[in-house]
C-alpha cells in the first residue's frame, strides 16, 4: 500500500502541464527560426547564388548541432532546458531515431525530386514516388492533428515523434526554477502590442493634412507673402495635399497646384492654407490652373 502511494506521489510530482510542454516546443521552433533568419541575412550578401541550393543541408546541419548539444548530451531540447524539463528514459537508440525522424525526414522531403533525378529513375517511377510522398505528407499532417487532439485530452506526447518513440517529459528536478526571464517576456509583449497598434493606426493618419494643420498654427513667412510665379504644369507636377498628379488642378494664391477636391477638403471657412508653404488663400480666389508648358532650354 505504501509503495503504491509513493508511486502515485512520484507520478504527480513529475507531471508536466500541457502549457509547459507547448511553450517548450514553441521555444525550440523560435530558436531554429532565429538562426535561419540570421543565415538568410548573411547569405544574402556573401553567397546569394550558392546558399539557396544548399539551404536544406545547412539547416539540417544546424539542427544536428542543436540536437548534439541538447537532446543527445542533456536529454532535453533547448526549450525544455529553459523550462526545467527533460525526456524520461531517453536511450541512445531513441535519441538517434529522434534526430532521424525530425531532421532526416524533413531533409529527404526537400531533396527527394533531386535524388530521383540523380538516380536516373524513369519518369513514371518518379511521378509515382512523388505522388506517394505527397499522400504520405498529407496523412502525416492528419495524424499530427489527431495526435494534438489526443495530447490535449491526455497531456502526453505533444508531437507525433514523441508518441512513436514513447518519449514522455518530466521535470528535471523538483526545485528547478524556470530560467525564463519574465521581465523580458513582458517587454516583448509590450513591444509587440505597440507595433500592432502602430500598424493599425499609422495607415489611418493623413500626414499631409496633419502638416497643413500644424502650418496653420504658424504665421506665414514674408517670403511666402510675396507674389510668386506660377509653376509650369508638367507630368512631374503633384498636388500639395495628396502627392498625386492633380485631378482638375486648381491654382492657389501662393501658386501651388492642388486637386479640386483636395483643396475643398482642406478648406476651413472662406480660406485654405497651403500644405506646402503655409500661406492662406481666399477660396474665391482659387482658380483652375492655366496650362503652362515647360520650356526646354
C-alpha atoms as a PDB file:
ATOM      1  CA  UNK A   1       0.000   0.000   0.000  1.00  0.00           C
ATOM      2  CA  UNK A   2       2.801   2.342   0.900  1.00  0.00           C
ATOM      3  CA  UNK A   3       4.621   1.567  -2.345  1.00  0.00           C
ATOM      4  CA  UNK A   4       1.519   2.377  -4.404  1.00  0.00           C
ATOM      5  CA  UNK A   5       1.094   5.641  -2.525  1.00  0.00           C
ATOM      6  CA  UNK A   6       4.742   6.598  -3.106  1.00  0.00           C
ATOM      7  CA  UNK A   7       4.449   5.710  -6.783  1.00  0.00           C
ATOM      8  CA  UNK A   8       1.370   7.885  -7.119  1.00  0.00           C
ATOM      9  CA  UNK A   9       3.102  10.800  -5.381  1.00  0.00           C
ATOM     10  CA  UNK A  10       6.102  10.466  -7.689  1.00  0.00           C
ATOM     11  CA  UNK A  11       3.869  10.460 -10.766  1.00  0.00           C
ATOM     12  CA  UNK A  12       2.030  13.563  -9.580  1.00  0.00           C
ATOM     13  CA  UNK A  13       5.282  15.376  -8.775  1.00  0.00           C
ATOM     14  CA  UNK A  14       6.710  14.543 -12.218  1.00  0.00           C
ATOM     15  CA  UNK A  15       3.573  15.646 -14.060  1.00  0.00           C
ATOM     16  CA  UNK A  16       4.273  18.274 -16.724  1.00  0.00           C
ATOM     17  CA  UNK A  17       1.446  20.592 -17.704  1.00  0.00           C
ATOM     18  CA  UNK A  18       0.322  20.995 -21.284  1.00  0.00           C
ATOM     19  CA  UNK A  19       1.216  24.694 -21.297  1.00  0.00           C
ATOM     20  CA  UNK A  20       4.817  23.974 -20.279  1.00  0.00           C
ATOM     21  CA  UNK A  21       5.188  21.328 -22.987  1.00  0.00           C
ATOM     22  CA  UNK A  22       3.718  23.588 -25.661  1.00  0.00           C
ATOM     23  CA  UNK A  23       5.887  26.529 -24.562  1.00  0.00           C
ATOM     24  CA  UNK A  24       8.999  24.366 -24.772  1.00  0.00           C
ATOM     25  CA  UNK A  25       8.084  23.322 -28.313  1.00  0.00           C
ATOM     26  CA  UNK A  26       7.454  26.956 -29.273  1.00  0.00           C
ATOM     27  CA  UNK A  27      10.853  27.994 -27.907  1.00  0.00           C
ATOM     28  CA  UNK A  28      12.526  25.260 -29.953  1.00  0.00           C
ATOM     29  CA  UNK A  29      10.852  26.451 -33.155  1.00  0.00           C
ATOM     30  CA  UNK A  30      11.695  30.076 -32.481  1.00  0.00           C
ATOM     31  CA  UNK A  31      15.345  29.229 -31.818  1.00  0.00           C
ATOM     32  CA  UNK A  32      15.639  27.477 -35.190  1.00  0.00           C
ATOM     33  CA  UNK A  33      13.739  30.302 -36.905  1.00  0.00           C
ATOM     34  CA  UNK A  34      16.091  32.913 -35.416  1.00  0.00           C
ATOM     35  CA  UNK A  35      19.174  31.028 -36.638  1.00  0.00           C
ATOM     36  CA  UNK A  36      17.579  30.557 -40.060  1.00  0.00           C
ATOM     37  CA  UNK A  37      16.844  34.271 -40.313  1.00  0.00           C
ATOM     38  CA  UNK A  38      20.444  35.168 -39.473  1.00  0.00           C
ATOM     39  CA  UNK A  39      21.734  32.693 -42.053  1.00  0.00           C
ATOM     40  CA  UNK A  40      19.459  34.149 -44.719  1.00  0.00           C
ATOM     41  CA  UNK A  41      20.625  37.675 -43.921  1.00  0.00           C
ATOM     42  CA  UNK A  42      24.284  36.697 -44.059  1.00  0.00           C
ATOM     43  CA  UNK A  43      23.926  34.626 -47.217  1.00  0.00           C
ATOM     44  CA  UNK A  44      22.140  37.475 -48.962  1.00  0.00           C
ATOM     45  CA  UNK A  45      25.417  39.422 -49.037  1.00  0.00           C
ATOM     46  CA  UNK A  46      28.058  36.671 -49.000  1.00  0.00           C
ATOM     47  CA  UNK A  47      26.740  33.970 -51.340  1.00  0.00           C
ATOM     48  CA  UNK A  48      23.338  34.930 -52.754  1.00  0.00           C
ATOM     49  CA  UNK A  49      23.533  32.399 -55.607  1.00  0.00           C
ATOM     50  CA  UNK A  50      25.003  29.433 -53.726  1.00  0.00           C
ATOM     51  CA  UNK A  51      23.008  29.458 -50.484  1.00  0.00           C
ATOM     52  CA  UNK A  52      19.547  28.673 -51.949  1.00  0.00           C
ATOM     53  CA  UNK A  53      20.987  25.490 -53.477  1.00  0.00           C
ATOM     54  CA  UNK A  54      22.477  24.230 -50.204  1.00  0.00           C
ATOM     55  CA  UNK A  55      19.913  25.647 -47.771  1.00  0.00           C
ATOM     56  CA  UNK A  56      18.373  22.244 -46.837  1.00  0.00           C
ATOM     57  CA  UNK A  57      21.812  20.869 -45.987  1.00  0.00           C
ATOM     58  CA  UNK A  58      22.741  23.959 -43.957  1.00  0.00           C
ATOM     59  CA  UNK A  59      19.505  23.833 -41.956  1.00  0.00           C
ATOM     60  CA  UNK A  60      19.910  20.090 -41.405  1.00  0.00           C
ATOM     61  CA  UNK A  61      23.444  20.692 -40.117  1.00  0.00           C
ATOM     62  CA  UNK A  62      22.221  23.407 -37.752  1.00  0.00           C
ATOM     63  CA  UNK A  63      19.507  21.131 -36.380  1.00  0.00           C
ATOM     64  CA  UNK A  64      22.025  18.304 -35.975  1.00  0.00           C
ATOM     65  CA  UNK A  65      24.328  20.583 -33.962  1.00  0.00           C
ATOM     66  CA  UNK A  66      21.419  21.704 -31.793  1.00  0.00           C
ATOM     67  CA  UNK A  67      20.413  18.080 -31.234  1.00  0.00           C
ATOM     68  CA  UNK A  68      24.006  17.080 -30.412  1.00  0.00           C
ATOM     69  CA  UNK A  69      24.384  19.759 -27.728  1.00  0.00           C
ATOM     70  CA  UNK A  70      20.853  19.483 -26.268  1.00  0.00           C
ATOM     71  CA  UNK A  71      18.940  16.210 -26.660  1.00  0.00           C
ATOM     72  CA  UNK A  72      21.923  13.900 -27.158  1.00  0.00           C
ATOM     73  CA  UNK A  73      24.015  15.444 -24.387  1.00  0.00           C
ATOM     74  CA  UNK A  74      21.444  16.558 -21.795  1.00  0.00           C
ATOM     75  CA  UNK A  75      18.320  14.572 -22.695  1.00  0.00           C
ATOM     76  CA  UNK A  76      16.304  17.744 -23.275  1.00  0.00           C
ATOM     77  CA  UNK A  77      15.744  20.250 -26.044  1.00  0.00           C
ATOM     78  CA  UNK A  78      16.644  23.931 -25.812  1.00  0.00           C
ATOM     79  CA  UNK A  79      13.122  24.961 -24.828  1.00  0.00           C
ATOM     80  CA  UNK A  80      12.817  22.155 -22.301  1.00  0.00           C
ATOM     81  CA  UNK A  81      16.068  23.210 -20.633  1.00  0.00           C
ATOM     82  CA  UNK A  82      14.734  26.748 -20.238  1.00  0.00           C
ATOM     83  CA  UNK A  83      11.574  25.484 -18.569  1.00  0.00           C
ATOM     84  CA  UNK A  84      13.270  22.856 -16.405  1.00  0.00           C
ATOM     85  CA  UNK A  85      12.010  19.817 -18.342  1.00  0.00           C
ATOM     86  CA  UNK A  86      13.676  16.777 -19.862  1.00  0.00           C
ATOM     87  CA  UNK A  87      12.831  13.499 -21.559  1.00  0.00           C
ATOM     88  CA  UNK A  88      12.282  10.489 -19.340  1.00  0.00           C
ATOM     89  CA  UNK A  89      14.360   7.357 -20.063  1.00  0.00           C
ATOM     90  CA  UNK A  90      15.934   8.666 -23.281  1.00  0.00           C
ATOM     91  CA  UNK A  91      18.244   5.924 -24.547  1.00  0.00           C
ATOM     92  CA  UNK A  92      20.916   6.462 -27.255  1.00  0.00           C
ATOM     93  CA  UNK A  93      18.834   4.434 -29.723  1.00  0.00           C
ATOM     94  CA  UNK A  94      15.775   6.612 -29.127  1.00  0.00           C
ATOM     95  CA  UNK A  95      17.911   9.727 -29.391  1.00  0.00           C
ATOM     96  CA  UNK A  96      19.239   8.603 -32.785  1.00  0.00           C
ATOM     97  CA  UNK A  97      15.733   7.758 -34.011  1.00  0.00           C
ATOM     98  CA  UNK A  98      14.557  11.153 -32.745  1.00  0.00           C
ATOM     99  CA  UNK A  99      17.025  13.079 -34.911  1.00  0.00           C
ATOM    100  CA  UNK A 100      16.359  10.749 -37.862  1.00  0.00           C
ATOM    101  CA  UNK A 101      12.608  11.398 -37.742  1.00  0.00           C
ATOM    102  CA  UNK A 102      12.846  15.137 -37.105  1.00  0.00           C
ATOM    103  CA  UNK A 103      15.855  16.176 -39.216  1.00  0.00           C
ATOM    104  CA  UNK A 104      16.370  13.379 -41.726  1.00  0.00           C
ATOM    105  CA  UNK A 105      12.737  13.148 -42.830  1.00  0.00           C
ATOM    106  CA  UNK A 106      12.485  16.881 -43.471  1.00  0.00           C
ATOM    107  CA  UNK A 107      15.723  16.915 -45.480  1.00  0.00           C
ATOM    108  CA  UNK A 108      14.598  13.912 -47.526  1.00  0.00           C
ATOM    109  CA  UNK A 109      11.290  15.602 -48.369  1.00  0.00           C
ATOM    110  CA  UNK A 110      13.131  18.650 -49.727  1.00  0.00           C
ATOM    111  CA  UNK A 111      15.701  16.666 -51.701  1.00  0.00           C
ATOM    112  CA  UNK A 112      13.507  13.809 -52.981  1.00  0.00           C
ATOM    113  CA  UNK A 113      12.987  15.242 -56.519  1.00  0.00           C
ATOM    114  CA  UNK A 114      16.713  15.851 -56.962  1.00  0.00           C
ATOM    115  CA  UNK A 115      17.603  12.412 -55.611  1.00  0.00           C
ATOM    116  CA  UNK A 116      15.242  10.798 -58.117  1.00  0.00           C
ATOM    117  CA  UNK A 117      16.791  12.833 -60.904  1.00  0.00           C
ATOM    118  CA  UNK A 118      20.320  11.839 -59.851  1.00  0.00           C
ATOM    119  CA  UNK A 119      19.258   8.188 -59.689  1.00  0.00           C
ATOM    120  CA  UNK A 120      18.069   8.465 -63.320  1.00  0.00           C
ATOM    121  CA  UNK A 121      14.727   6.949 -62.355  1.00  0.00           C
ATOM    122  CA  UNK A 122      12.140   6.645 -65.143  1.00  0.00           C
ATOM    123  CA  UNK A 123       9.607   9.413 -65.350  1.00  0.00           C
ATOM    124  CA  UNK A 124       6.618   7.299 -64.392  1.00  0.00           C
ATOM    125  CA  UNK A 125       8.508   5.916 -61.379  1.00  0.00           C
ATOM    126  CA  UNK A 126       9.472   9.426 -60.231  1.00  0.00           C
ATOM    127  CA  UNK A 127       5.886  10.624 -60.569  1.00  0.00           C
ATOM    128  CA  UNK A 128       4.587   7.706 -58.535  1.00  0.00           C
ATOM    129  CA  UNK A 129       7.214   8.231 -55.821  1.00  0.00           C
ATOM    130  CA  UNK A 130       6.452  11.957 -55.590  1.00  0.00           C
ATOM    131  CA  UNK A 131       2.721  11.241 -55.549  1.00  0.00           C
ATOM    132  CA  UNK A 132       3.249   8.733 -52.764  1.00  0.00           C
ATOM    133  CA  UNK A 133       5.345  11.316 -50.852  1.00  0.00           C
ATOM    134  CA  UNK A 134       2.580  13.916 -51.184  1.00  0.00           C
ATOM    135  CA  UNK A 135      -0.024  11.479 -49.897  1.00  0.00           C
ATOM    136  CA  UNK A 136       2.252  10.433 -47.059  1.00  0.00           C
ATOM    137  CA  UNK A 137       2.772  14.067 -46.113  1.00  0.00           C
ATOM    138  CA  UNK A 138      -0.977  14.669 -46.114  1.00  0.00           C
ATOM    139  CA  UNK A 139      -1.502  11.563 -43.970  1.00  0.00           C
ATOM    140  CA  UNK A 140       1.221  12.767 -41.627  1.00  0.00           C
ATOM    141  CA  UNK A 141      -0.487  16.129 -41.169  1.00  0.00           C
ATOM    142  CA  UNK A 142      -3.834  14.482 -40.430  1.00  0.00           C
ATOM    143  CA  UNK A 143      -2.168  12.127 -37.975  1.00  0.00           C
ATOM    144  CA  UNK A 144      -0.372  15.051 -36.314  1.00  0.00           C
ATOM    145  CA  UNK A 145      -3.713  16.806 -35.900  1.00  0.00           C
ATOM    146  CA  UNK A 146      -5.230  13.727 -34.283  1.00  0.00           C
ATOM    147  CA  UNK A 147      -2.168  13.426 -32.067  1.00  0.00           C
ATOM    148  CA  UNK A 148      -2.584  17.037 -30.966  1.00  0.00           C
ATOM    149  CA  UNK A 149      -6.195  16.384 -30.003  1.00  0.00           C
ATOM    150  CA  UNK A 150      -5.095  13.316 -28.063  1.00  0.00           C
ATOM    151  CA  UNK A 151      -2.391  15.382 -26.363  1.00  0.00           C
ATOM    152  CA  UNK A 152      -4.950  17.944 -25.238  1.00  0.00           C
ATOM    153  CA  UNK A 153      -7.002  15.105 -23.794  1.00  0.00           C
ATOM    154  CA  UNK A 154      -4.240  13.142 -22.056  1.00  0.00           C
ATOM    155  CA  UNK A 155      -1.432  15.695 -21.597  1.00  0.00           C
ATOM    156  CA  UNK A 156       1.319  13.451 -23.010  1.00  0.00           C
ATOM    157  CA  UNK A 157       3.183  13.140 -26.342  1.00  0.00           C
ATOM    158  CA  UNK A 158       2.897  16.611 -27.836  1.00  0.00           C
ATOM    159  CA  UNK A 159       4.400  15.609 -31.193  1.00  0.00           C
ATOM    160  CA  UNK A 160       3.922  12.520 -33.308  1.00  0.00           C
ATOM    161  CA  UNK A 161       7.638  11.716 -32.987  1.00  0.00           C
ATOM    162  CA  UNK A 162       7.347  11.603 -29.204  1.00  0.00           C
ATOM    163  CA  UNK A 163       4.361   9.269 -29.441  1.00  0.00           C
ATOM    164  CA  UNK A 164       6.115   6.912 -31.845  1.00  0.00           C
ATOM    165  CA  UNK A 165       9.211   6.747 -29.623  1.00  0.00           C
ATOM    166  CA  UNK A 166       7.167   6.805 -26.386  1.00  0.00           C
ATOM    167  CA  UNK A 167       9.102   9.821 -25.112  1.00  0.00           C
ATOM    168  CA  UNK A 168       7.486  11.294 -22.036  1.00  0.00           C
ATOM    169  CA  UNK A 169       8.579  14.531 -20.423  1.00  0.00           C
ATOM    170  CA  UNK A 170       9.351  15.035 -16.768  1.00  0.00           C
ATOM    171  CA  UNK A 171      10.567  17.785 -14.528  1.00  0.00           C
ATOM    172  CA  UNK A 172      14.352  17.850 -14.358  1.00  0.00           C
ATOM    173  CA  UNK A 173      14.212  18.372 -10.576  1.00  0.00           C
ATOM    174  CA  UNK A 174      11.584  19.232  -8.011  1.00  0.00           C
ATOM    175  CA  UNK A 175      13.279  22.508  -7.075  1.00  0.00           C
ATOM    176  CA  UNK A 176      14.028  23.696 -10.605  1.00  0.00           C
ATOM    177  CA  UNK A 177      13.187  27.330 -11.173  1.00  0.00           C
ATOM    178  CA  UNK A 178      12.323  28.354 -14.691  1.00  0.00           C
ATOM    179  CA  UNK A 179      15.151  30.206 -16.373  1.00  0.00           C
ATOM    180  CA  UNK A 180      12.740  32.233 -18.453  1.00  0.00           C
ATOM    181  CA  UNK A 181      13.128  35.951 -17.813  1.00  0.00           C
ATOM    182  CA  UNK A 182       9.572  37.155 -17.356  1.00  0.00           C
ATOM    183  CA  UNK A 183      10.682  40.775 -17.425  1.00  0.00           C
ATOM    184  CA  UNK A 184      11.971  40.150 -20.931  1.00  0.00           C
ATOM    185  CA  UNK A 185       8.716  38.410 -21.880  1.00  0.00           C
ATOM    186  CA  UNK A 186       6.685  41.337 -20.565  1.00  0.00           C
ATOM    187  CA  UNK A 187       8.795  43.758 -22.570  1.00  0.00           C
ATOM    188  CA  UNK A 188       8.364  41.626 -25.670  1.00  0.00           C
ATOM    189  CA  UNK A 189       4.580  41.568 -25.229  1.00  0.00           C
ATOM    190  CA  UNK A 190       4.520  45.346 -24.795  1.00  0.00           C
ATOM    191  CA  UNK A 191       6.627  45.953 -27.906  1.00  0.00           C
ATOM    192  CA  UNK A 192       4.529  43.531 -29.929  1.00  0.00           C
ATOM    193  CA  UNK A 193       1.312  45.182 -28.794  1.00  0.00           C
ATOM    194  CA  UNK A 194       2.732  48.623 -29.596  1.00  0.00           C
ATOM    195  CA  UNK A 195       3.894  47.541 -33.042  1.00  0.00           C
ATOM    196  CA  UNK A 196       0.492  46.048 -33.842  1.00  0.00           C
ATOM    197  CA  UNK A 197      -1.180  49.258 -32.665  1.00  0.00           C
ATOM    198  CA  UNK A 198       1.088  51.381 -34.862  1.00  0.00           C
ATOM    199  CA  UNK A 199       0.482  49.110 -37.851  1.00  0.00           C
ATOM    200  CA  UNK A 200      -3.260  49.668 -37.432  1.00  0.00           C
ATOM    201  CA  UNK A 201      -3.155  53.391 -36.670  1.00  0.00           C
ATOM    202  CA  UNK A 202      -0.438  54.774 -38.967  1.00  0.00           C
ATOM    203  CA  UNK A 203      -2.252  53.983 -42.260  1.00  0.00           C
ATOM    204  CA  UNK A 204      -5.250  55.949 -40.956  1.00  0.00           C
ATOM    205  CA  UNK A 205      -3.238  59.142 -40.353  1.00  0.00           C
ATOM    206  CA  UNK A 206      -3.175  61.708 -43.145  1.00  0.00           C
ATOM    207  CA  UNK A 207       0.266  63.211 -42.590  1.00  0.00           C
ATOM    208  CA  UNK A 208      -0.162  65.850 -45.271  1.00  0.00           C
ATOM    209  CA  UNK A 209      -3.325  67.108 -43.648  1.00  0.00           C
ATOM    210  CA  UNK A 210      -1.611  66.980 -40.262  1.00  0.00           C
ATOM    211  CA  UNK A 211       1.254  69.017 -41.675  1.00  0.00           C
ATOM    212  CA  UNK A 212      -1.240  71.532 -43.015  1.00  0.00           C
ATOM    213  CA  UNK A 213      -2.885  71.779 -39.582  1.00  0.00           C
ATOM    214  CA  UNK A 214       0.485  72.465 -37.987  1.00  0.00           C
ATOM    215  CA  UNK A 215       1.318  75.089 -40.595  1.00  0.00           C
ATOM    216  CA  UNK A 216      -1.932  76.854 -39.791  1.00  0.00           C
ATOM    217  CA  UNK A 217      -0.634  77.450 -36.273  1.00  0.00           C
ATOM    218  CA  UNK A 218       2.480  79.161 -37.633  1.00  0.00           C
ATOM    219  CA  UNK A 219       2.497  82.688 -39.062  1.00  0.00           C
ATOM    220  CA  UNK A 220       3.058  82.927 -42.780  1.00  0.00           C
ATOM    221  CA  UNK A 221       6.628  83.863 -43.706  1.00  0.00           C
ATOM    222  CA  UNK A 222       7.488  87.056 -45.541  1.00  0.00           C
ATOM    223  CA  UNK A 223       8.868  85.086 -48.471  1.00  0.00           C
ATOM    224  CA  UNK A 224       5.592  83.224 -48.913  1.00  0.00           C
ATOM    225  CA  UNK A 225       3.640  86.526 -48.804  1.00  0.00           C
ATOM    226  CA  UNK A 226       5.468  87.755 -51.885  1.00  0.00           C
ATOM    227  CA  UNK A 227       3.798  87.163 -55.215  1.00  0.00           C
ATOM    228  CA  UNK A 228       5.391  84.037 -56.683  1.00  0.00           C
ATOM    229  CA  UNK A 229       5.357  82.997 -60.307  1.00  0.00           C
ATOM    230  CA  UNK A 230       3.014  80.204 -61.433  1.00  0.00           C
ATOM    231  CA  UNK A 231       4.937  76.934 -61.850  1.00  0.00           C
ATOM    232  CA  UNK A 232       4.794  75.026 -65.127  1.00  0.00           C
ATOM    233  CA  UNK A 233       2.240  72.218 -65.222  1.00  0.00           C
ATOM    234  CA  UNK A 234       4.174  69.112 -66.259  1.00  0.00           C
ATOM    235  CA  UNK A 235       3.969  65.345 -65.782  1.00  0.00           C
ATOM    236  CA  UNK A 236       6.002  65.743 -62.565  1.00  0.00           C
ATOM    237  CA  UNK A 237       3.544  68.202 -61.007  1.00  0.00           C
ATOM    238  CA  UNK A 238       1.991  66.917 -57.793  1.00  0.00           C
ATOM    239  CA  UNK A 239      -0.874  68.034 -55.584  1.00  0.00           C
ATOM    240  CA  UNK A 240       0.334  69.653 -52.348  1.00  0.00           C
ATOM    241  CA  UNK A 241      -2.085  67.511 -50.313  1.00  0.00           C
ATOM    242  CA  UNK A 242      -2.341  64.049 -51.843  1.00  0.00           C
ATOM    243  CA  UNK A 243       1.041  63.983 -53.589  1.00  0.00           C
ATOM    244  CA  UNK A 244      -0.502  62.639 -56.820  1.00  0.00           C
ATOM    245  CA  UNK A 245      -0.900  64.276 -60.245  1.00  0.00           C
ATOM    246  CA  UNK A 246      -3.623  66.899 -59.736  1.00  0.00           C
ATOM    247  CA  UNK A 247      -7.155  65.998 -60.795  1.00  0.00           C
ATOM    248  CA  UNK A 248      -8.925  69.145 -62.045  1.00  0.00           C
ATOM    249  CA  UNK A 249      -5.870  71.182 -60.975  1.00  0.00           C
ATOM    250  CA  UNK A 250      -6.508  74.474 -59.235  1.00  0.00           C
ATOM    251  CA  UNK A 251      -4.021  77.235 -58.545  1.00  0.00           C
ATOM    252  CA  UNK A 252      -3.746  78.632 -55.031  1.00  0.00           C
ATOM    253  CA  UNK A 253      -2.777  82.236 -54.412  1.00  0.00           C
ATOM    254  CA  UNK A 254       0.707  81.026 -53.470  1.00  0.00           C
ATOM    255  CA  UNK A 255       0.889  79.483 -56.985  1.00  0.00           C
ATOM    256  CA  UNK A 256       0.999  75.915 -55.709  1.00  0.00           C
ATOM    257  CA  UNK A 257      -1.201  73.401 -57.503  1.00  0.00           C
ATOM    258  CA  UNK A 258      -3.778  71.145 -55.886  1.00  0.00           C
ATOM    259  CA  UNK A 259      -6.640  68.862 -56.822  1.00  0.00           C
ATOM    260  CA  UNK A 260     -10.056  70.482 -56.846  1.00  0.00           C
ATOM    261  CA  UNK A 261     -11.466  68.139 -54.196  1.00  0.00           C
ATOM    262  CA  UNK A 262      -8.269  68.200 -52.113  1.00  0.00           C
ATOM    263  CA  UNK A 263      -8.386  71.969 -51.708  1.00  0.00           C
ATOM    264  CA  UNK A 264     -12.098  71.813 -50.882  1.00  0.00           C
ATOM    265  CA  UNK A 265     -11.465  69.173 -48.209  1.00  0.00           C
ATOM    266  CA  UNK A 266      -8.636  71.240 -46.705  1.00  0.00           C
ATOM    267  CA  UNK A 267     -10.602  74.493 -46.679  1.00  0.00           C
ATOM    268  CA  UNK A 268     -11.604  75.999 -43.343  1.00  0.00           C
ATOM    269  CA  UNK A 269     -14.355  78.528 -43.835  1.00  0.00           C
ATOM    270  CA  UNK A 270     -13.563  81.021 -46.595  1.00  0.00           C
ATOM    271  CA  UNK A 271      -9.815  80.365 -46.605  1.00  0.00           C
ATOM    272  CA  UNK A 272      -7.498  77.467 -47.284  1.00  0.00           C
ATOM    273  CA  UNK A 273      -3.883  77.180 -46.098  1.00  0.00           C
ATOM    274  CA  UNK A 274      -1.386  75.600 -48.481  1.00  0.00           C
ATOM    275  CA  UNK A 275       0.126  72.371 -47.200  1.00  0.00           C
ATOM    276  CA  UNK A 276       3.427  73.202 -48.903  1.00  0.00           C
ATOM    277  CA  UNK A 277       4.215  76.760 -47.821  1.00  0.00           C
ATOM    278  CA  UNK A 278       1.538  77.507 -45.238  1.00  0.00           C
ATOM    279  CA  UNK A 279       0.184  80.604 -46.977  1.00  0.00           C
ATOM    280  CA  UNK A 280      -3.559  81.218 -46.765  1.00  0.00           C
ATOM    281  CA  UNK A 281      -5.636  81.640 -49.892  1.00  0.00           C
ATOM    282  CA  UNK A 282      -9.134  83.014 -50.296  1.00  0.00           C
ATOM    283  CA  UNK A 283     -11.394  80.244 -51.577  1.00  0.00           C
ATOM    284  CA  UNK A 284     -12.943  82.687 -54.029  1.00  0.00           C
ATOM    285  CA  UNK A 285      -9.508  83.398 -55.492  1.00  0.00           C
ATOM    286  CA  UNK A 286      -8.637  79.727 -56.094  1.00  0.00           C
ATOM    287  CA  UNK A 287      -8.946  79.317 -59.862  1.00  0.00           C
ATOM    288  CA  UNK A 288      -8.485  76.464 -62.326  1.00  0.00           C
ATOM    289  CA  UNK A 289      -4.816  76.216 -63.152  1.00  0.00           C
ATOM    290  CA  UNK A 290      -3.823  77.519 -66.594  1.00  0.00           C
ATOM    291  CA  UNK A 291      -1.843  75.145 -68.765  1.00  0.00           C
ATOM    292  CA  UNK A 292       1.703  76.443 -68.772  1.00  0.00           C
ATOM    293  CA  UNK A 293       4.157  74.442 -70.833  1.00  0.00           C
ATOM    294  CA  UNK A 294       7.700  73.966 -69.568  1.00  0.00           C
ATOM    295  CA  UNK A 295      10.259  75.478 -71.915  1.00  0.00           C
ATOM    296  CA  UNK A 296      13.156  73.135 -72.673  1.00  0.00           C
ATOM    297  CA  UNK A 297      16.415  75.018 -72.835  1.00  0.00           C
END
